[in-house]
Structures are given as C-alpha cells and as structure tokens.
Amino acid sequence: MAMSKIKQGDEVVVAAGKDKGRRGEVIKVLEGKLLVQGVNMAKKHQKPNPAAGIGGGIIEKEMPIDTSNVMLLNPATGKGDRVGIKTLEDGRKVRYFKSNGEVVDA
C-alpha cells in the first residue's frame, strides 16, 4: 500500500471549499477522504435510540472532506504546505514539506 501523505492526528488547513482557511486535526482517514475536527459540519436529524442511550434531535457532525482540499500545516511557517515522500539512506520512508524540505515524521 502506498504511503499516505496525510495521517490521523495531523494538523491540516482547508485549502478549498466553504471552510477554506479553517484548520483542525484529522480524526479519521477514509478512502480518499478525511474527517477533520470542526470542519465541513452538517446538521443531522437523529432519531432517539433508547437501547443505545442516544437522544434524538438535530446534531452537528463532521462530514468527510476530500483529501485534495486540505494541506498539512507546516509549524515553521504556520501555513498549509504540500507534502512529498522520500526514502532515507536507512531505507525508511518519510514525509517532507516541499517548501523547505523539512521532514514531517521525526
């Protein structure tokens, strides 16, 4: 399997769409999409489920956002940055920021 450029727990910036400029942490990585904390919120009408202890009503939840619409946050610049993948001399594959060549996974 190819190495993913964005992983769970990464801090990302939304680059396109209605939430452009918002940042958040990746909660979950789905097939080609991501769930990002507080981004792409949608109101969902939820039926109560007493068996599972879930109350009814209108809840707000994160909906998946396409991976192409987010960029990894570069802590050095405080902006979103493109990410590449390179293999180190010891054979490890690491992600790096394209702008300054800094390695993401230390």
N, C-alpha and C. Protein backbone atom coordinates (compact mmCIF):
# COMPACT_ATOMS: atom_id res chain seq x y z
N MET A 1 0.84 -1.19 0.00
CA MET A 1 0.00 0.00 0.00
C MET A 1 0.87 1.25 0.00
N ALA A 2 0.52 2.25 -0.78
CA ALA A 2 1.29 3.48 -0.86
C ALA A 2 1.17 4.25 0.45
N MET A 3 2.22 4.99 0.76
CA MET A 3 2.23 5.77 1.99
C MET A 3 1.31 6.98 1.84
N SER A 4 0.49 7.21 2.86
CA SER A 4 -0.45 8.33 2.81
C SER A 4 0.25 9.63 3.17
N LYS A 5 -0.10 10.71 2.46
CA LYS A 5 0.52 12.00 2.74
C LYS A 5 -0.09 12.67 3.96
N ILE A 6 -1.32 12.27 4.30
CA ILE A 6 -1.98 12.83 5.48
C ILE A 6 -2.44 11.67 6.36
N LYS A 7 -2.11 11.76 7.65
CA LYS A 7 -2.42 10.67 8.57
C LYS A 7 -3.31 11.16 9.70
N GLN A 8 -3.88 10.21 10.44
CA GLN A 8 -4.71 10.53 11.59
C GLN A 8 -3.87 11.29 12.62
N GLY A 9 -4.44 12.35 13.19
CA GLY A 9 -3.71 13.13 14.20
C GLY A 9 -2.94 14.31 13.62
N ASP A 10 -2.84 14.40 12.29
CA ASP A 10 -2.15 15.53 11.65
C ASP A 10 -2.97 16.80 11.78
N GLU A 11 -2.29 17.93 11.85
CA GLU A 11 -2.94 19.24 11.85
C GLU A 11 -3.00 19.69 10.39
N VAL A 12 -4.20 19.97 9.89
CA VAL A 12 -4.35 20.35 8.48
C VAL A 12 -5.07 21.68 8.32
N VAL A 13 -4.87 22.32 7.15
CA VAL A 13 -5.53 23.56 6.80
C VAL A 13 -6.38 23.27 5.57
N VAL A 14 -7.65 23.74 5.58
CA VAL A 14 -8.53 23.53 4.43
C VAL A 14 -8.13 24.53 3.34
N ALA A 15 -7.84 24.03 2.14
CA ALA A 15 -7.34 24.85 1.04
C ALA A 15 -8.45 25.27 0.08
N ALA A 16 -9.59 24.56 0.09
CA ALA A 16 -10.65 24.87 -0.87
C ALA A 16 -12.00 24.53 -0.26
N GLY A 17 -13.05 25.21 -0.74
CA GLY A 17 -14.40 24.91 -0.29
C GLY A 17 -14.91 25.93 0.70
N LYS A 18 -16.08 25.64 1.29
CA LYS A 18 -16.73 26.61 2.17
C LYS A 18 -15.97 26.85 3.47
N ASP A 19 -15.14 25.91 3.87
CA ASP A 19 -14.38 26.05 5.11
C ASP A 19 -12.93 26.46 4.86
N LYS A 20 -12.67 27.06 3.71
CA LYS A 20 -11.30 27.45 3.33
C LYS A 20 -10.65 28.29 4.43
N GLY A 21 -9.42 27.93 4.78
CA GLY A 21 -8.69 28.68 5.80
C GLY A 21 -8.84 28.11 7.20
N ARG A 22 -9.86 27.28 7.43
CA ARG A 22 -10.05 26.67 8.75
C ARG A 22 -9.00 25.60 8.96
N ARG A 23 -8.59 25.41 10.21
CA ARG A 23 -7.66 24.33 10.49
C ARG A 23 -8.23 23.42 11.56
N GLY A 24 -7.76 22.20 11.55
CA GLY A 24 -8.24 21.22 12.52
C GLY A 24 -7.41 19.96 12.46
N GLU A 25 -7.69 19.07 13.40
CA GLU A 25 -6.96 17.82 13.49
C GLU A 25 -7.73 16.73 12.75
N VAL A 26 -6.99 15.85 12.06
CA VAL A 26 -7.62 14.74 11.34
C VAL A 26 -8.08 13.71 12.36
N ILE A 27 -9.39 13.46 12.40
CA ILE A 27 -9.97 12.49 13.33
C ILE A 27 -9.83 11.08 12.76
N LYS A 28 -10.15 10.97 11.45
CA LYS A 28 -10.17 9.65 10.82
C LYS A 28 -9.83 9.78 9.35
N VAL A 29 -9.12 8.79 8.82
CA VAL A 29 -8.79 8.76 7.40
C VAL A 29 -9.66 7.70 6.75
N LEU A 30 -10.45 8.13 5.74
CA LEU A 30 -11.29 7.20 4.99
C LEU A 30 -10.69 7.06 3.60
N GLU A 31 -11.31 6.28 2.75
CA GLU A 31 -10.81 6.07 1.39
C GLU A 31 -10.88 7.36 0.57
N GLY A 32 -9.76 8.08 0.46
CA GLY A 32 -9.71 9.31 -0.33
C GLY A 32 -10.33 10.52 0.35
N LYS A 33 -10.86 10.32 1.55
CA LYS A 33 -11.49 11.43 2.28
C LYS A 33 -11.01 11.44 3.73
N LEU A 34 -11.24 12.57 4.39
CA LEU A 34 -10.81 12.72 5.78
C LEU A 34 -11.95 13.28 6.62
N LEU A 35 -11.94 12.94 7.90
CA LEU A 35 -12.82 13.61 8.86
C LEU A 35 -11.92 14.55 9.64
N VAL A 36 -12.21 15.86 9.56
CA VAL A 36 -11.40 16.85 10.25
C VAL A 36 -12.24 17.52 11.32
N GLN A 37 -11.66 17.64 12.53
CA GLN A 37 -12.36 18.22 13.68
C GLN A 37 -12.90 19.61 13.37
N GLY A 38 -14.22 19.80 13.49
CA GLY A 38 -14.84 21.11 13.33
C GLY A 38 -14.91 21.63 11.91
N VAL A 39 -14.61 20.79 10.92
CA VAL A 39 -14.63 21.24 9.52
C VAL A 39 -15.70 20.46 8.75
N ASN A 40 -16.36 21.14 7.81
CA ASN A 40 -17.42 20.54 6.99
C ASN A 40 -18.54 19.98 7.86
N MET A 41 -19.02 20.83 8.78
CA MET A 41 -20.07 20.42 9.71
C MET A 41 -21.42 20.38 8.98
N ALA A 42 -22.25 19.41 9.36
CA ALA A 42 -23.58 19.29 8.78
C ALA A 42 -24.55 18.96 9.90
N LYS A 43 -25.78 19.48 9.76
CA LYS A 43 -26.81 19.18 10.76
C LYS A 43 -27.48 17.86 10.36
N LYS A 44 -27.60 16.96 11.33
CA LYS A 44 -28.19 15.67 11.06
C LYS A 44 -29.38 15.49 11.99
N HIS A 45 -30.51 15.11 11.41
CA HIS A 45 -31.71 14.85 12.21
C HIS A 45 -31.61 13.41 12.70
N GLN A 46 -31.43 13.26 14.01
CA GLN A 46 -31.18 11.93 14.57
C GLN A 46 -32.37 11.43 15.37
N LYS A 47 -32.78 10.20 15.08
CA LYS A 47 -33.87 9.58 15.84
C LYS A 47 -33.30 9.11 17.17
N PRO A 48 -34.11 9.19 18.24
CA PRO A 48 -33.60 8.67 19.51
C PRO A 48 -33.51 7.15 19.48
N ASN A 49 -32.49 6.62 20.15
CA ASN A 49 -32.32 5.18 20.26
C ASN A 49 -32.11 4.86 21.74
N PRO A 50 -33.21 4.61 22.46
CA PRO A 50 -33.08 4.40 23.92
C PRO A 50 -32.19 3.20 24.26
N ALA A 51 -32.17 2.19 23.40
CA ALA A 51 -31.36 1.00 23.67
C ALA A 51 -29.88 1.36 23.73
N ALA A 52 -29.45 2.28 22.85
CA ALA A 52 -28.04 2.67 22.82
C ALA A 52 -27.80 3.93 23.66
N GLY A 53 -28.87 4.45 24.28
CA GLY A 53 -28.74 5.64 25.11
C GLY A 53 -28.51 6.91 24.32
N ILE A 54 -29.00 6.94 23.08
CA ILE A 54 -28.82 8.12 22.22
C ILE A 54 -30.11 8.93 22.20
N GLY A 55 -29.99 10.21 22.50
CA GLY A 55 -31.16 11.08 22.48
C GLY A 55 -31.41 11.57 21.06
N GLY A 56 -32.65 11.93 20.77
CA GLY A 56 -32.98 12.43 19.44
C GLY A 56 -32.70 13.91 19.32
N GLY A 57 -32.94 14.45 18.14
CA GLY A 57 -32.77 15.88 17.91
C GLY A 57 -31.88 16.14 16.72
N ILE A 58 -31.53 17.43 16.57
CA ILE A 58 -30.66 17.81 15.46
C ILE A 58 -29.25 17.95 16.00
N ILE A 59 -28.35 17.12 15.50
CA ILE A 59 -26.96 17.18 15.97
C ILE A 59 -26.07 17.68 14.84
N GLU A 60 -24.96 18.30 15.22
CA GLU A 60 -23.97 18.73 14.21
C GLU A 60 -22.85 17.73 14.22
N LYS A 61 -22.47 17.27 13.03
CA LYS A 61 -21.36 16.31 12.97
C LYS A 61 -20.47 16.63 11.78
N GLU A 62 -19.22 16.18 11.87
CA GLU A 62 -18.28 16.39 10.78
C GLU A 62 -18.60 15.43 9.65
N MET A 63 -18.58 15.96 8.43
CA MET A 63 -18.76 15.12 7.26
C MET A 63 -17.40 14.99 6.58
N PRO A 64 -17.20 13.91 5.80
CA PRO A 64 -15.91 13.73 5.16
C PRO A 64 -15.58 14.85 4.17
N ILE A 65 -14.31 15.22 4.10
CA ILE A 65 -13.83 16.23 3.16
C ILE A 65 -12.76 15.55 2.31
N ASP A 66 -12.72 15.89 1.03
CA ASP A 66 -11.78 15.24 0.12
C ASP A 66 -10.34 15.59 0.49
N THR A 67 -9.46 14.60 0.40
CA THR A 67 -8.05 14.79 0.74
C THR A 67 -7.41 15.89 -0.07
N SER A 68 -7.85 16.06 -1.33
CA SER A 68 -7.26 17.07 -2.21
C SER A 68 -7.54 18.49 -1.73
N ASN A 69 -8.53 18.67 -0.85
CA ASN A 69 -8.91 20.00 -0.41
C ASN A 69 -8.24 20.44 0.89
N VAL A 70 -7.34 19.62 1.42
CA VAL A 70 -6.63 20.01 2.63
C VAL A 70 -5.12 19.95 2.41
N MET A 71 -4.40 20.75 3.21
CA MET A 71 -2.93 20.75 3.17
C MET A 71 -2.43 20.56 4.58
N LEU A 72 -1.30 19.87 4.71
CA LEU A 72 -0.69 19.66 6.01
C LEU A 72 -0.15 20.98 6.54
N LEU A 73 -0.38 21.27 7.82
CA LEU A 73 0.09 22.52 8.42
C LEU A 73 1.58 22.42 8.69
N ASN A 74 2.34 23.40 8.16
CA ASN A 74 3.77 23.45 8.42
C ASN A 74 3.99 24.33 9.65
N PRO A 75 4.47 23.75 10.77
CA PRO A 75 4.62 24.53 12.00
C PRO A 75 5.62 25.67 11.85
N ALA A 76 6.59 25.52 10.96
CA ALA A 76 7.62 26.55 10.76
C ALA A 76 7.02 27.83 10.18
N THR A 77 6.08 27.68 9.22
CA THR A 77 5.51 28.85 8.55
C THR A 77 4.11 29.18 9.06
N GLY A 78 3.44 28.20 9.69
CA GLY A 78 2.07 28.40 10.16
C GLY A 78 1.07 28.34 9.03
N LYS A 79 1.50 27.89 7.85
CA LYS A 79 0.61 27.80 6.69
C LYS A 79 0.52 26.35 6.22
N GLY A 80 -0.45 26.11 5.30
CA GLY A 80 -0.58 24.79 4.70
C GLY A 80 0.56 24.58 3.71
N ASP A 81 1.03 23.36 3.60
CA ASP A 81 2.17 23.08 2.73
C ASP A 81 1.96 21.77 1.97
N ARG A 82 2.56 21.71 0.78
CA ARG A 82 2.50 20.47 0.02
C ARG A 82 3.46 19.46 0.64
N VAL A 83 3.12 18.18 0.51
CA VAL A 83 3.90 17.13 1.14
C VAL A 83 4.40 16.15 0.09
N GLY A 84 5.65 15.76 0.22
CA GLY A 84 6.23 14.74 -0.65
C GLY A 84 6.68 13.57 0.19
N ILE A 85 7.04 12.47 -0.48
CA ILE A 85 7.52 11.29 0.24
C ILE A 85 8.89 10.93 -0.33
N LYS A 86 9.87 10.75 0.58
CA LYS A 86 11.19 10.34 0.11
C LYS A 86 11.72 9.23 1.00
N THR A 87 12.66 8.45 0.45
CA THR A 87 13.26 7.35 1.18
C THR A 87 14.62 7.80 1.70
N LEU A 88 14.85 7.60 2.99
CA LEU A 88 16.12 7.97 3.59
C LEU A 88 17.18 6.91 3.30
N GLU A 89 18.44 7.23 3.66
CA GLU A 89 19.54 6.29 3.41
C GLU A 89 19.31 4.95 4.11
N ASP A 90 18.71 5.00 5.30
CA ASP A 90 18.50 3.74 6.05
C ASP A 90 17.26 2.97 5.59
N GLY A 91 16.64 3.44 4.49
CA GLY A 91 15.51 2.70 3.91
C GLY A 91 14.14 3.10 4.43
N ARG A 92 14.10 4.02 5.41
CA ARG A 92 12.81 4.47 5.94
C ARG A 92 12.16 5.44 4.97
N LYS A 93 10.83 5.35 4.85
CA LYS A 93 10.09 6.31 4.02
C LYS A 93 9.55 7.39 4.95
N VAL A 94 9.77 8.64 4.58
CA VAL A 94 9.29 9.74 5.41
C VAL A 94 8.58 10.78 4.56
N ARG A 95 7.71 11.55 5.22
CA ARG A 95 7.05 12.66 4.55
C ARG A 95 7.87 13.91 4.79
N TYR A 96 7.90 14.80 3.79
CA TYR A 96 8.63 16.06 3.97
C TYR A 96 7.85 17.20 3.33
N PHE A 97 8.08 18.42 3.86
CA PHE A 97 7.43 19.60 3.30
C PHE A 97 8.18 20.03 2.05
N LYS A 98 7.45 20.31 0.97
CA LYS A 98 8.07 20.68 -0.30
C LYS A 98 8.73 22.06 -0.23
N SER A 99 8.20 22.98 0.62
CA SER A 99 8.72 24.34 0.64
C SER A 99 10.12 24.42 1.22
N ASN A 100 10.36 23.71 2.35
CA ASN A 100 11.68 23.83 2.98
C ASN A 100 12.40 22.50 3.10
N GLY A 101 11.80 21.43 2.58
CA GLY A 101 12.47 20.12 2.61
C GLY A 101 12.54 19.50 3.98
N GLU A 102 11.88 20.10 4.96
CA GLU A 102 11.92 19.59 6.33
C GLU A 102 11.10 18.31 6.46
N VAL A 103 11.62 17.34 7.20
CA VAL A 103 10.94 16.06 7.36
C VAL A 103 9.81 16.19 8.39
N VAL A 104 8.64 15.64 8.05
CA VAL A 104 7.46 15.72 8.93
C VAL A 104 7.59 14.70 10.06
N ASP A 105 7.84 13.43 9.70
CA ASP A 105 7.92 12.35 10.70
C ASP A 105 9.34 12.30 11.25
N ALA A 106 9.53 12.81 12.44
CA ALA A 106 10.87 12.80 13.02
C ALA A 106 11.20 11.44 13.62
